[in-house]
Amino acid sequence: MKITQLSVFAENKPGYVIAPCRRLADAGVHIRAVSLAETQRFGVLRLIVAEWRSAVKLLEEAGFVVKPTEVLAIEVPDGPHGLSELLAAVDQTALNIEYMYAFPFGHSDKGILVFQFTDMDAAIERLQGAGVNLVAREELQEP
């Protein structure tokens, strides 16, 4: 149920976002999801790609600092209560959401939210117990 996300670290200056994206695009790597977080001096570009091992190699060869991490991709109904109902599954637990971001997916009535929890295994158990659909890695690999 866990999927691999790449975190690309770079100095926060013009061009730091396009350079790794261009490197992946030139190699034919399809970026499925992206999130950008920044501080005053540094930025973190989070990417989900189909072939993450190849992407890590390409980026590291180009001099980027890359860290693969496991995250959960969770299907959420597209509607006013979709997010709040999903969050209710982990409310009143010790699970902490470190970050999350959304991306469109091929299902017209659903969206995908990517989550990083402090305890990924406990989050999987809790979410599955609540009937929440976790998206498999294979589903995200298809463009």
Protein backbone atom coordinates (compact mmCIF):
# COMPACT_ATOMS: atom_id res chain seq x y z
CA MET A 1 0.00 0.00 0.00
CA LYS A 2 2.93 2.35 0.51
CA ILE A 3 4.25 4.19 -2.52
CA THR A 4 7.62 5.82 -3.01
CA GLN A 5 7.92 9.56 -3.25
CA LEU A 6 11.10 11.40 -4.13
CA SER A 7 12.10 14.49 -2.20
CA VAL A 8 14.52 16.64 -4.15
CA PHE A 9 16.35 19.21 -2.01
CA ALA A 10 17.80 22.39 -3.46
CA GLU A 11 18.69 25.94 -2.63
CA ASN A 12 15.65 28.20 -2.97
CA LYS A 13 16.63 30.24 -6.02
CA PRO A 14 15.34 30.72 -9.57
CA GLY A 15 15.55 27.57 -11.65
CA TYR A 16 15.66 25.04 -8.83
CA VAL A 17 12.23 23.64 -9.73
CA ILE A 18 12.62 23.32 -13.48
CA ALA A 19 16.05 21.69 -13.50
CA PRO A 20 15.08 18.30 -11.98
CA CYS A 21 11.76 18.29 -13.85
CA ARG A 22 13.53 18.92 -17.14
CA ARG A 23 16.07 16.18 -16.38
CA LEU A 24 13.26 13.68 -15.80
CA ALA A 25 11.27 14.85 -18.83
CA ASP A 26 14.29 14.53 -21.12
CA ALA A 27 14.66 10.93 -19.95
CA GLY A 28 10.97 10.19 -20.57
CA VAL A 29 10.03 9.91 -16.90
CA HIS A 30 6.37 10.69 -16.28
CA ILE A 31 5.79 12.79 -13.16
CA ARG A 32 2.47 11.63 -11.68
CA ALA A 33 2.28 14.06 -8.75
CA VAL A 34 4.24 17.04 -7.50
CA SER A 35 4.36 19.22 -4.42
CA LEU A 36 6.64 22.11 -3.60
CA ALA A 37 7.51 23.30 -0.11
CA GLU A 38 9.99 25.98 0.69
CA THR A 39 11.76 27.83 3.40
CA GLN A 40 13.62 31.06 2.99
CA ARG A 41 16.82 29.29 1.93
CA PHE A 42 15.88 25.80 0.78
CA GLY A 43 13.11 24.05 -1.10
CA VAL A 44 11.77 20.52 -1.22
CA LEU A 45 10.29 19.28 -4.47
CA ARG A 46 8.26 16.14 -3.81
CA LEU A 47 7.57 13.91 -6.80
CA ILE A 48 5.78 10.67 -7.47
CA VAL A 49 6.99 8.98 -10.63
CA ALA A 50 6.36 5.54 -12.11
CA GLU A 51 9.96 4.34 -12.15
CA TRP A 52 11.34 5.93 -9.01
CA ARG A 53 14.63 4.00 -8.87
CA SER A 54 15.57 5.19 -12.37
CA ALA A 55 14.52 8.73 -11.45
CA VAL A 56 16.73 8.72 -8.35
CA LYS A 57 19.69 7.60 -10.43
CA LEU A 58 19.07 10.25 -13.10
CA LEU A 59 18.72 13.03 -10.55
CA GLU A 60 21.70 12.00 -8.44
CA GLU A 61 23.88 11.76 -11.57
CA ALA A 62 22.88 15.36 -12.29
CA GLY A 63 24.01 16.42 -8.80
CA PHE A 64 20.64 16.65 -7.02
CA VAL A 65 20.16 15.53 -3.43
CA VAL A 66 17.27 13.04 -3.51
CA LYS A 67 15.62 11.12 -0.70
CA PRO A 68 13.06 8.38 -1.41
CA THR A 69 10.36 8.11 1.26
CA GLU A 70 7.22 6.05 1.63
CA VAL A 71 3.85 7.77 1.58
CA LEU A 72 0.22 6.73 1.27
CA ALA A 73 -1.96 7.65 -1.69
CA ILE A 74 -5.55 7.69 -0.53
CA GLU A 75 -8.65 7.90 -2.68
CA VAL A 76 -11.10 10.55 -1.50
CA PRO A 77 -14.59 11.29 -2.81
CA ASP A 78 -14.81 14.56 -4.72
CA GLY A 79 -17.38 16.44 -2.70
CA PRO A 80 -17.88 18.78 0.24
CA HIS A 81 -17.36 16.08 2.88
CA GLY A 82 -14.67 13.98 1.15
CA LEU A 83 -11.68 15.33 3.06
CA SER A 84 -13.42 15.69 6.43
CA GLU A 85 -14.74 12.11 6.26
CA LEU A 86 -11.28 10.82 5.40
CA LEU A 87 -9.70 12.77 8.26
CA ALA A 88 -12.37 11.44 10.63
CA ALA A 89 -10.84 7.99 10.15
CA VAL A 90 -7.68 9.12 11.95
CA ASP A 91 -9.24 11.65 14.31
CA GLN A 92 -8.98 10.85 18.01
CA THR A 93 -5.89 8.66 17.45
CA ALA A 94 -2.21 9.19 18.10
CA LEU A 95 -1.58 9.43 14.36
CA ASN A 96 -0.08 12.71 13.26
CA ILE A 97 -0.18 13.95 9.67
CA GLU A 98 3.24 15.35 8.81
CA TYR A 99 2.09 16.66 5.42
CA MET A 100 -0.35 16.00 2.64
CA TYR A 101 -1.01 17.14 -0.90
CA ALA A 102 -3.54 16.38 -3.61
CA PHE A 103 -3.35 15.49 -7.26
CA PRO A 104 -5.89 14.65 -9.95
CA PHE A 105 -6.41 11.08 -10.93
CA GLY A 106 -8.27 9.24 -13.68
CA HIS A 107 -11.43 8.69 -11.64
CA SER A 108 -13.88 11.52 -12.28
CA ASP A 109 -15.67 11.30 -8.93
CA LYS A 110 -12.55 10.79 -6.81
CA GLY A 111 -9.31 12.54 -6.06
CA ILE A 112 -6.06 11.34 -4.56
CA LEU A 113 -4.44 12.74 -1.45
CA VAL A 114 -0.86 11.84 -0.60
CA PHE A 115 -0.13 11.59 3.13
CA GLN A 116 2.94 11.24 5.28
CA PHE A 117 2.01 10.00 8.76
CA THR A 118 4.28 9.68 11.77
CA ASP A 119 3.43 5.96 11.93
CA MET A 120 2.72 4.68 8.43
CA ASP A 121 1.86 1.10 9.44
CA ALA A 122 -0.61 2.21 12.10
CA ALA A 123 -2.15 4.62 9.58
CA ILE A 124 -2.61 1.81 7.05
CA GLU A 125 -4.27 -0.39 9.66
CA ARG A 126 -6.57 2.38 10.85
CA LEU A 127 -7.54 3.57 7.36
CA GLN A 128 -8.19 0.08 6.02
CA GLY A 129 -10.24 -0.68 9.12
CA ALA A 130 -12.36 2.37 8.32
CA GLY A 131 -12.92 1.18 4.74
CA VAL A 132 -10.71 3.84 3.17
CA ASN A 133 -9.25 2.93 -0.24
CA LEU A 134 -5.47 3.17 -0.37
CA VAL A 135 -4.22 3.43 -3.94
CA ALA A 136 -1.71 0.78 -5.00
CA ARG A 137 1.62 1.69 -6.54
CA GLU A 138 0.62 -0.03 -9.79
CA GLU A 139 -2.41 2.23 -10.23
CA LEU A 140 -0.19 5.31 -10.12
CA GLN A 141 2.28 4.01 -12.68
CA GLU A 142 -0.16 4.26 -15.56
CA PRO A 143 -0.05 7.66 -17.28
